[in-house]
């Protein structure tokens, strides 16, 4: 990433169109049917915990965190995380995740869940959720349901449906 002048900035309302176009290019129309999208649709993401990656003035990546509950326990749902294809494998996704998790912890959040690949997200502290401890509405491969404890032991007694946090 040394050859890139990368800037990670908090997402603003002015970024919405560029991020939507990025999601459209990288995820396609099928993104609207995914369980994680359906949960995020029920409650907007947190601008205070959502970030963009830019090279110069070009938006090349985005990550969002959305308030959810796992059962009755407050948590965050990470995603979507996306990086423009020509800029992948340069550490941009890693930088976005690190910033989001750092700020979430600083703001007092304890858990972050996501649907994703453990080999990629594991390096950020995400682990598979034990079978039948948590589930999402709709179809989700349980092997891809991951959680990161921002506070050690925060997931110990947590279980239930991952759903929007309406509080």
N, C-alpha and C. Protein backbone atom coordinates (compact mmCIF):
# COMPACT_ATOMS: atom_id res chain seq x y z
N UNK A 1 0.82 -1.19 0.00
CA UNK A 1 0.00 0.00 0.00
C UNK A 1 0.87 1.26 0.00
N UNK A 2 2.15 1.11 0.12
CA UNK A 2 3.03 2.27 0.20
C UNK A 2 2.97 3.11 -1.07
N UNK A 3 2.64 2.52 -2.22
CA UNK A 3 2.58 3.30 -3.45
C UNK A 3 1.27 4.08 -3.57
N UNK A 4 0.31 3.81 -2.67
CA UNK A 4 -0.96 4.52 -2.67
C UNK A 4 -0.99 5.55 -1.57
N UNK A 5 -1.59 6.68 -1.86
CA UNK A 5 -1.83 7.68 -0.82
C UNK A 5 -3.26 7.46 -0.34
N UNK A 6 -3.41 6.54 0.62
CA UNK A 6 -4.72 6.12 1.09
C UNK A 6 -5.17 6.97 2.27
N UNK A 7 -6.43 7.41 2.21
CA UNK A 7 -7.04 8.16 3.31
C UNK A 7 -8.31 7.44 3.72
N UNK A 8 -8.46 7.17 5.02
CA UNK A 8 -9.68 6.58 5.57
C UNK A 8 -10.43 7.71 6.27
N UNK A 9 -11.66 7.95 5.84
CA UNK A 9 -12.46 9.04 6.37
C UNK A 9 -13.83 8.53 6.81
N UNK A 10 -14.44 9.18 7.81
CA UNK A 10 -15.81 8.82 8.16
C UNK A 10 -16.73 9.06 6.95
N UNK A 11 -17.67 8.17 6.77
CA UNK A 11 -18.65 8.32 5.70
C UNK A 11 -19.54 9.53 6.01
N UNK A 12 -19.92 10.25 4.95
CA UNK A 12 -20.88 11.35 5.09
C UNK A 12 -22.06 11.08 4.16
N UNK A 13 -23.12 11.81 4.35
CA UNK A 13 -24.30 11.67 3.49
C UNK A 13 -23.95 11.94 2.03
N UNK A 14 -22.97 12.79 1.78
CA UNK A 14 -22.55 13.10 0.41
C UNK A 14 -21.91 11.91 -0.29
N UNK A 15 -21.49 10.90 0.47
CA UNK A 15 -20.86 9.71 -0.12
C UNK A 15 -21.87 8.68 -0.61
N UNK A 16 -23.14 8.86 -0.28
CA UNK A 16 -24.16 7.82 -0.52
C UNK A 16 -24.21 7.34 -1.96
N UNK A 17 -24.26 8.23 -2.92
CA UNK A 17 -24.38 7.83 -4.32
C UNK A 17 -23.14 7.06 -4.79
N UNK A 18 -21.96 7.55 -4.45
CA UNK A 18 -20.72 6.86 -4.86
C UNK A 18 -20.64 5.48 -4.23
N UNK A 19 -21.05 5.35 -2.96
CA UNK A 19 -21.01 4.04 -2.29
C UNK A 19 -22.05 3.11 -2.90
N UNK A 20 -23.24 3.62 -3.20
CA UNK A 20 -24.26 2.78 -3.82
C UNK A 20 -23.78 2.27 -5.18
N UNK A 21 -23.13 3.11 -5.95
CA UNK A 21 -22.58 2.67 -7.25
C UNK A 21 -21.48 1.64 -7.07
N UNK A 22 -20.66 1.81 -6.04
CA UNK A 22 -19.61 0.83 -5.74
C UNK A 22 -20.25 -0.51 -5.38
N UNK A 23 -21.27 -0.50 -4.53
CA UNK A 23 -21.97 -1.74 -4.17
C UNK A 23 -22.62 -2.38 -5.39
N UNK A 24 -23.18 -1.57 -6.25
CA UNK A 24 -23.82 -2.08 -7.47
C UNK A 24 -22.79 -2.80 -8.35
N UNK A 25 -21.61 -2.18 -8.50
CA UNK A 25 -20.56 -2.79 -9.34
C UNK A 25 -20.00 -4.07 -8.72
N UNK A 26 -19.81 -4.08 -7.42
CA UNK A 26 -19.13 -5.20 -6.79
C UNK A 26 -20.06 -6.33 -6.35
N UNK A 27 -21.31 -6.02 -6.00
CA UNK A 27 -22.23 -7.05 -5.50
C UNK A 27 -23.38 -7.35 -6.45
N UNK A 28 -23.71 -6.45 -7.35
CA UNK A 28 -24.80 -6.67 -8.29
C UNK A 28 -26.17 -6.61 -7.63
N UNK A 29 -27.21 -6.88 -8.43
CA UNK A 29 -28.58 -6.77 -7.91
C UNK A 29 -28.92 -7.83 -6.87
N UNK A 30 -28.19 -8.92 -6.82
CA UNK A 30 -28.47 -9.98 -5.85
C UNK A 30 -28.27 -9.54 -4.41
N UNK A 31 -27.57 -8.41 -4.21
CA UNK A 31 -27.30 -7.94 -2.85
C UNK A 31 -28.58 -7.65 -2.07
N UNK A 32 -29.64 -7.30 -2.75
CA UNK A 32 -30.89 -6.94 -2.09
C UNK A 32 -31.60 -8.12 -1.45
N UNK A 33 -31.24 -9.33 -1.86
CA UNK A 33 -31.91 -10.52 -1.32
C UNK A 33 -31.16 -11.18 -0.18
N UNK A 34 -29.95 -10.76 0.08
CA UNK A 34 -29.15 -11.38 1.14
C UNK A 34 -29.71 -11.02 2.52
N UNK A 35 -29.59 -11.96 3.43
CA UNK A 35 -30.12 -11.77 4.79
C UNK A 35 -29.50 -10.56 5.47
N UNK A 36 -28.20 -10.37 5.33
CA UNK A 36 -27.54 -9.23 5.97
C UNK A 36 -28.08 -7.92 5.41
N UNK A 37 -28.33 -7.86 4.12
CA UNK A 37 -28.89 -6.65 3.52
C UNK A 37 -30.27 -6.38 4.10
N UNK A 38 -31.06 -7.42 4.24
CA UNK A 38 -32.43 -7.26 4.76
C UNK A 38 -32.40 -6.70 6.19
N UNK A 39 -31.44 -7.13 7.00
CA UNK A 39 -31.31 -6.59 8.35
C UNK A 39 -30.90 -5.12 8.29
N UNK A 40 -29.93 -4.80 7.45
CA UNK A 40 -29.46 -3.41 7.36
C UNK A 40 -30.55 -2.51 6.80
N UNK A 41 -31.38 -3.05 5.94
CA UNK A 41 -32.46 -2.28 5.36
C UNK A 41 -33.44 -1.82 6.45
N UNK A 42 -33.58 -2.62 7.49
CA UNK A 42 -34.51 -2.29 8.57
C UNK A 42 -34.03 -1.15 9.44
N UNK A 43 -32.76 -0.86 9.41
CA UNK A 43 -32.19 0.21 10.24
C UNK A 43 -30.95 0.72 9.55
N UNK A 44 -30.86 2.01 9.38
CA UNK A 44 -29.71 2.58 8.71
C UNK A 44 -28.40 2.33 9.45
N UNK A 45 -27.32 2.34 8.72
CA UNK A 45 -26.00 2.16 9.31
C UNK A 45 -25.62 3.39 10.13
N UNK A 46 -24.60 3.23 10.94
CA UNK A 46 -24.11 4.31 11.79
C UNK A 46 -23.04 5.09 11.02
N UNK A 47 -23.32 6.36 10.74
CA UNK A 47 -22.31 7.19 10.06
C UNK A 47 -21.06 7.33 10.92
N UNK A 48 -21.22 7.33 12.24
CA UNK A 48 -20.08 7.48 13.14
C UNK A 48 -19.15 6.26 13.10
N UNK A 49 -19.65 5.13 12.56
CA UNK A 49 -18.85 3.91 12.51
C UNK A 49 -18.76 3.34 11.09
N UNK A 50 -18.93 4.19 10.11
CA UNK A 50 -18.84 3.77 8.70
C UNK A 50 -17.79 4.65 8.03
N UNK A 51 -16.99 4.02 7.17
CA UNK A 51 -15.81 4.72 6.65
C UNK A 51 -15.64 4.50 5.15
N UNK A 52 -14.98 5.46 4.54
CA UNK A 52 -14.63 5.36 3.13
C UNK A 52 -13.10 5.35 3.01
N UNK A 53 -12.65 4.73 1.95
CA UNK A 53 -11.22 4.74 1.61
C UNK A 53 -11.09 5.50 0.30
N UNK A 54 -10.15 6.41 0.28
CA UNK A 54 -9.92 7.21 -0.93
C UNK A 54 -8.44 7.20 -1.29
N UNK A 55 -8.22 7.17 -2.58
CA UNK A 55 -6.90 7.39 -3.14
C UNK A 55 -7.04 8.71 -3.88
N UNK A 56 -6.41 9.75 -3.34
CA UNK A 56 -6.68 11.10 -3.85
C UNK A 56 -8.14 11.42 -3.55
N UNK A 57 -8.86 11.85 -4.56
CA UNK A 57 -10.29 12.14 -4.36
C UNK A 57 -11.18 10.98 -4.79
N UNK A 58 -10.59 9.89 -5.27
CA UNK A 58 -11.33 8.74 -5.77
C UNK A 58 -11.74 7.80 -4.63
N UNK A 59 -13.03 7.58 -4.47
CA UNK A 59 -13.52 6.64 -3.47
C UNK A 59 -13.26 5.23 -4.00
N UNK A 60 -12.47 4.45 -3.24
CA UNK A 60 -12.09 3.11 -3.69
C UNK A 60 -12.58 2.01 -2.75
N UNK A 61 -13.17 2.39 -1.61
CA UNK A 61 -13.65 1.37 -0.68
C UNK A 61 -14.58 1.96 0.35
N UNK A 62 -15.32 1.04 0.99
CA UNK A 62 -16.30 1.45 1.99
C UNK A 62 -16.54 0.30 2.96
N UNK A 63 -16.78 0.65 4.22
CA UNK A 63 -17.24 -0.33 5.21
C UNK A 63 -18.29 0.37 6.06
N UNK A 64 -19.31 -0.39 6.43
CA UNK A 64 -20.37 0.15 7.27
C UNK A 64 -20.62 -0.76 8.46
N UNK A 65 -21.00 -0.15 9.58
CA UNK A 65 -21.44 -0.87 10.76
C UNK A 65 -22.86 -0.42 11.08
N UNK A 66 -23.72 -1.41 11.34
CA UNK A 66 -25.13 -1.17 11.61
C UNK A 66 -25.48 -1.72 12.98
N UNK A 67 -26.19 -0.95 13.80
CA UNK A 67 -26.63 -1.46 15.11
C UNK A 67 -27.61 -2.62 14.94
N UNK A 68 -27.35 -3.70 15.67
CA UNK A 68 -28.23 -4.87 15.68
C UNK A 68 -28.30 -5.39 17.11
N UNK A 69 -29.11 -6.39 17.31
CA UNK A 69 -29.12 -7.15 18.55
C UNK A 69 -28.92 -8.61 18.20
N UNK A 70 -28.21 -9.32 19.05
CA UNK A 70 -28.12 -10.78 18.96
C UNK A 70 -28.91 -11.26 20.16
N UNK A 71 -30.11 -11.75 19.91
CA UNK A 71 -31.04 -11.98 21.00
C UNK A 71 -31.40 -10.63 21.57
N UNK A 72 -31.08 -10.42 22.84
CA UNK A 72 -31.34 -9.12 23.48
C UNK A 72 -30.07 -8.30 23.68
N UNK A 73 -28.95 -8.80 23.18
CA UNK A 73 -27.67 -8.15 23.40
C UNK A 73 -27.32 -7.20 22.25
N UNK A 74 -27.04 -5.93 22.56
CA UNK A 74 -26.63 -5.00 21.50
C UNK A 74 -25.32 -5.44 20.85
N UNK A 75 -25.25 -5.25 19.55
CA UNK A 75 -24.05 -5.58 18.78
C UNK A 75 -24.05 -4.70 17.54
N UNK A 76 -23.05 -4.91 16.70
CA UNK A 76 -22.97 -4.24 15.41
C UNK A 76 -22.85 -5.30 14.32
N UNK A 77 -23.36 -4.99 13.14
CA UNK A 77 -23.23 -5.86 11.98
C UNK A 77 -22.30 -5.16 11.00
N UNK A 78 -21.17 -5.79 10.69
CA UNK A 78 -20.21 -5.23 9.76
C UNK A 78 -20.61 -5.60 8.34
N UNK A 79 -20.66 -4.61 7.50
CA UNK A 79 -20.91 -4.85 6.09
C UNK A 79 -21.91 -3.87 5.52
N UNK A 80 -21.90 -3.75 4.25
CA UNK A 80 -20.92 -4.38 3.38
C UNK A 80 -19.54 -3.73 3.46
N UNK A 81 -18.56 -4.56 3.23
CA UNK A 81 -17.17 -4.13 3.05
C UNK A 81 -16.90 -4.33 1.57
N UNK A 82 -16.48 -3.30 0.91
CA UNK A 82 -16.18 -3.45 -0.50
C UNK A 82 -15.03 -2.53 -0.92
N UNK A 83 -14.26 -3.04 -1.87
CA UNK A 83 -13.13 -2.31 -2.44
C UNK A 83 -13.20 -2.47 -3.95
N UNK A 84 -12.97 -1.37 -4.66
CA UNK A 84 -12.95 -1.42 -6.12
C UNK A 84 -11.97 -2.51 -6.57
N UNK A 85 -12.38 -3.37 -7.52
CA UNK A 85 -11.51 -4.48 -7.94
C UNK A 85 -10.07 -4.10 -8.28
N UNK A 86 -9.78 -3.01 -9.00
CA UNK A 86 -8.38 -2.71 -9.30
C UNK A 86 -7.54 -2.37 -8.06
N UNK A 87 -8.20 -2.09 -6.93
CA UNK A 87 -7.49 -1.69 -5.71
C UNK A 87 -7.46 -2.79 -4.66
N UNK A 88 -7.96 -3.97 -5.00
CA UNK A 88 -7.98 -5.07 -4.04
C UNK A 88 -6.57 -5.62 -3.82
N UNK A 89 -6.41 -6.33 -2.70
CA UNK A 89 -5.15 -6.96 -2.32
C UNK A 89 -4.03 -5.94 -2.12
N UNK A 90 -4.41 -4.76 -1.65
CA UNK A 90 -3.44 -3.72 -1.33
C UNK A 90 -3.60 -3.26 0.12
N UNK A 91 -4.41 -3.99 0.90
CA UNK A 91 -4.58 -3.65 2.31
C UNK A 91 -5.68 -2.66 2.61
N UNK A 92 -6.45 -2.28 1.61
CA UNK A 92 -7.50 -1.28 1.82
C UNK A 92 -8.64 -1.85 2.67
N UNK A 93 -9.08 -3.05 2.38
CA UNK A 93 -10.13 -3.68 3.19
C UNK A 93 -9.67 -3.84 4.64
N UNK A 94 -8.43 -4.26 4.82
CA UNK A 94 -7.87 -4.41 6.17
C UNK A 94 -7.86 -3.07 6.89
N UNK A 95 -7.47 -2.00 6.21
CA UNK A 95 -7.44 -0.67 6.83
C UNK A 95 -8.84 -0.21 7.22
N UNK A 96 -9.82 -0.48 6.38
CA UNK A 96 -11.20 -0.10 6.68
C UNK A 96 -11.74 -0.87 7.89
N UNK A 97 -11.50 -2.17 7.93
CA UNK A 97 -11.97 -2.98 9.06
C UNK A 97 -11.29 -2.52 10.34
N UNK A 98 -9.98 -2.32 10.30
CA UNK A 98 -9.25 -1.91 11.50
C UNK A 98 -9.79 -0.59 12.05
N UNK A 99 -10.05 0.36 11.18
CA UNK A 99 -10.58 1.66 11.63
C UNK A 99 -11.97 1.49 12.23
N UNK A 100 -12.83 0.71 11.57
CA UNK A 100 -14.19 0.52 12.06
C UNK A 100 -14.19 -0.16 13.43
N UNK A 101 -13.40 -1.20 13.60
CA UNK A 101 -13.35 -1.91 14.88
C UNK A 101 -12.73 -1.05 15.98
N UNK A 102 -11.69 -0.31 15.64
CA UNK A 102 -11.04 0.58 16.62
C UNK A 102 -12.03 1.62 17.13
N UNK A 103 -12.76 2.26 16.21
CA UNK A 103 -13.71 3.30 16.62
C UNK A 103 -14.90 2.69 17.35
N UNK A 104 -15.35 1.51 16.94
CA UNK A 104 -16.47 0.85 17.64
C UNK A 104 -16.08 0.56 19.08
N UNK A 105 -14.90 0.05 19.28
CA UNK A 105 -14.42 -0.24 20.64
C UNK A 105 -14.31 1.05 21.45
N UNK A 106 -13.76 2.10 20.84
CA UNK A 106 -13.61 3.38 21.53
C UNK A 106 -14.96 3.97 21.93
N UNK A 107 -16.00 3.66 21.17
CA UNK A 107 -17.33 4.17 21.48
C UNK A 107 -18.10 3.24 22.43
N UNK A 108 -17.44 2.21 22.93
CA UNK A 108 -18.05 1.36 23.94
C UNK A 108 -18.79 0.14 23.44
N UNK A 109 -18.70 -0.15 22.15
CA UNK A 109 -19.35 -1.36 21.62
C UNK A 109 -18.53 -2.59 22.01
N UNK A 110 -19.22 -3.73 22.16
CA UNK A 110 -18.56 -4.93 22.65
C UNK A 110 -18.50 -6.07 21.63
N UNK A 111 -19.46 -6.10 20.68
CA UNK A 111 -19.55 -7.22 19.73
C UNK A 111 -19.79 -6.71 18.32
N UNK A 112 -19.16 -7.39 17.36
CA UNK A 112 -19.40 -7.12 15.95
C UNK A 112 -19.59 -8.47 15.26
N UNK A 113 -20.70 -8.60 14.55
CA UNK A 113 -20.99 -9.83 13.80
C UNK A 113 -20.91 -9.52 12.30
N UNK A 114 -20.77 -10.57 11.51
CA UNK A 114 -20.80 -10.42 10.06
C UNK A 114 -21.01 -11.77 9.41
N UNK A 115 -21.32 -11.73 8.13
CA UNK A 115 -21.38 -12.93 7.30
C UNK A 115 -20.20 -12.82 6.35
N UNK A 116 -19.25 -13.76 6.46
CA UNK A 116 -18.06 -13.66 5.62
C UNK A 116 -17.15 -14.85 5.76
N UNK A 117 -15.99 -14.75 5.13
CA UNK A 117 -15.01 -15.84 5.11
C UNK A 117 -14.08 -15.73 6.32
N UNK A 118 -14.06 -16.78 7.15
CA UNK A 118 -13.23 -16.76 8.34
C UNK A 118 -11.74 -16.58 8.03
N UNK A 119 -11.20 -17.19 6.97
CA UNK A 119 -9.77 -16.96 6.70
C UNK A 119 -9.42 -15.48 6.51
N UNK A 120 -10.31 -14.70 5.93
CA UNK A 120 -10.06 -13.28 5.73
C UNK A 120 -10.32 -12.49 7.02
N UNK A 121 -11.50 -12.66 7.59
CA UNK A 121 -11.89 -11.87 8.75
C UNK A 121 -11.25 -12.35 10.05
N UNK A 122 -10.77 -13.59 10.08
CA UNK A 122 -10.14 -14.12 11.27
C UNK A 122 -8.93 -13.31 11.70
N UNK A 123 -8.21 -12.74 10.76
CA UNK A 123 -7.04 -11.94 11.13
C UNK A 123 -7.42 -10.63 11.84
N UNK A 124 -8.72 -10.34 11.86
CA UNK A 124 -9.23 -9.16 12.57
C UNK A 124 -9.93 -9.55 13.87
N UNK A 125 -9.79 -10.82 14.26
CA UNK A 125 -10.38 -11.27 15.52
C UNK A 125 -11.75 -11.92 15.40
N UNK A 126 -12.24 -12.12 14.19
CA UNK A 126 -13.55 -12.75 14.00
C UNK A 126 -13.41 -14.27 14.07
N UNK A 127 -14.38 -14.89 14.74
CA UNK A 127 -14.42 -16.35 14.86
C UNK A 127 -15.81 -16.84 14.50
N UNK A 128 -15.88 -18.10 14.09
CA UNK A 128 -17.19 -18.70 13.79
C UNK A 128 -18.05 -18.69 15.04
N UNK A 129 -19.30 -18.34 14.86
CA UNK A 129 -20.25 -18.41 15.95
C UNK A 129 -20.59 -19.89 16.16
N UNK A 130 -20.47 -20.38 17.39
CA UNK A 130 -20.79 -21.79 17.62
C UNK A 130 -22.19 -22.14 17.13
N UNK A 131 -22.30 -23.36 16.63
CA UNK A 131 -23.55 -23.83 16.03
C UNK A 131 -24.75 -23.57 16.95
N UNK A 132 -25.78 -23.00 16.37
CA UNK A 132 -27.06 -22.73 17.02
C UNK A 132 -27.01 -21.66 18.10
N UNK A 133 -25.91 -20.92 18.24
CA UNK A 133 -25.85 -19.83 19.23
C UNK A 133 -26.52 -18.57 18.71
N UNK A 134 -26.40 -18.34 17.41
CA UNK A 134 -27.01 -17.16 16.81
C UNK A 134 -27.38 -17.51 15.38
N UNK A 135 -28.43 -16.87 14.90
CA UNK A 135 -28.79 -17.07 13.50
C UNK A 135 -29.41 -15.80 12.96
N UNK A 136 -29.48 -15.78 11.65
CA UNK A 136 -30.06 -14.62 10.98
C UNK A 136 -31.37 -15.04 10.34
N UNK A 137 -32.28 -14.09 10.18
CA UNK A 137 -33.49 -14.42 9.44
C UNK A 137 -33.13 -14.68 7.98
N UNK A 138 -33.70 -15.67 7.41
CA UNK A 138 -33.36 -15.99 6.03
C UNK A 138 -32.17 -16.90 5.93
N UNK A 139 -31.86 -17.32 4.72
CA UNK A 139 -30.78 -18.29 4.52
C UNK A 139 -29.39 -17.66 4.67
N UNK A 140 -28.58 -18.27 5.53
CA UNK A 140 -27.18 -17.89 5.72
C UNK A 140 -26.41 -19.16 6.04
N UNK A 141 -25.29 -19.37 5.38
CA UNK A 141 -24.43 -20.50 5.69
C UNK A 141 -23.89 -20.30 7.10
N UNK A 142 -24.23 -21.17 8.05
CA UNK A 142 -23.79 -20.97 9.43
C UNK A 142 -22.28 -20.96 9.60
N UNK A 143 -21.54 -21.54 8.67
CA UNK A 143 -20.08 -21.51 8.74
C UNK A 143 -19.51 -20.13 8.41
N UNK A 144 -20.33 -19.26 7.84
CA UNK A 144 -19.89 -17.91 7.48
C UNK A 144 -20.37 -16.85 8.47
N UNK A 145 -21.08 -17.28 9.50
CA UNK A 145 -21.57 -16.35 10.52
C UNK A 145 -20.48 -16.20 11.58
N UNK A 146 -19.92 -14.99 11.67
CA UNK A 146 -18.74 -14.73 12.50
C UNK A 146 -19.03 -13.63 13.51
N UNK A 147 -18.25 -13.63 14.59
CA UNK A 147 -18.35 -12.59 15.61
C UNK A 147 -16.96 -12.23 16.11
N UNK A 148 -16.78 -10.95 16.43
CA UNK A 148 -15.55 -10.47 17.07
C UNK A 148 -15.94 -9.83 18.39
N UNK A 149 -15.23 -10.22 19.44
CA UNK A 149 -15.42 -9.61 20.75
C UNK A 149 -14.48 -8.41 20.86
N UNK A 150 -15.04 -7.24 21.01
CA UNK A 150 -14.22 -6.05 21.22
C UNK A 150 -13.82 -5.94 22.69
N UNK A 151 -14.55 -6.66 23.53
CA UNK A 151 -14.25 -6.79 24.95
C UNK A 151 -14.18 -8.29 25.22
N UNK A 152 -13.07 -8.79 25.76
CA UNK A 152 -12.96 -10.23 26.01
C UNK A 152 -14.15 -10.77 26.81
N UNK A 153 -14.69 -11.90 26.34
CA UNK A 153 -15.81 -12.56 27.02
C UNK A 153 -17.17 -11.99 26.71
N UNK A 154 -17.25 -10.99 25.85
CA UNK A 154 -18.53 -10.32 25.58
C UNK A 154 -19.56 -11.23 24.93
N UNK A 155 -19.12 -12.31 24.27
CA UNK A 155 -20.06 -13.19 23.57
C UNK A 155 -20.40 -14.44 24.39
N UNK A 156 -19.84 -14.58 25.57
CA UNK A 156 -19.99 -15.81 26.35
C UNK A 156 -21.43 -16.28 26.55
N UNK A 157 -22.32 -15.40 26.94
CA UNK A 157 -23.70 -15.81 27.24
C UNK A 157 -24.70 -15.27 26.24
N UNK A 158 -24.22 -14.92 25.06
CA UNK A 158 -25.08 -14.33 24.04
C UNK A 158 -25.60 -15.41 23.11
N UNK A 159 -26.88 -15.33 22.79
CA UNK A 159 -27.47 -16.23 21.80
C UNK A 159 -28.77 -15.61 21.30
N UNK A 160 -29.20 -16.08 20.14
CA UNK A 160 -30.48 -15.63 19.62
C UNK A 160 -30.40 -15.15 18.19
N UNK A 161 -31.49 -14.58 17.75
CA UNK A 161 -31.65 -14.08 16.39
C UNK A 161 -30.91 -12.75 16.24
N UNK A 162 -30.17 -12.62 15.15
CA UNK A 162 -29.56 -11.34 14.81
C UNK A 162 -30.61 -10.53 14.08
N UNK A 163 -30.92 -9.37 14.63
CA UNK A 163 -32.01 -8.56 14.10
C UNK A 163 -31.67 -7.07 14.24
N UNK A 164 -32.39 -6.21 13.52
CA UNK A 164 -32.13 -4.78 13.67
C UNK A 164 -32.34 -4.34 15.11
N UNK A 165 -31.56 -3.37 15.53
CA UNK A 165 -31.71 -2.78 16.86
C UNK A 165 -32.62 -1.56 16.69
N UNK A 166 -33.80 -1.67 17.20
CA UNK A 166 -34.78 -0.59 17.03
C UNK A 166 -34.72 0.42 18.15
N UNK A 167 -33.83 0.27 19.10
CA UNK A 167 -33.76 1.20 20.23
C UNK A 167 -33.36 2.59 19.79
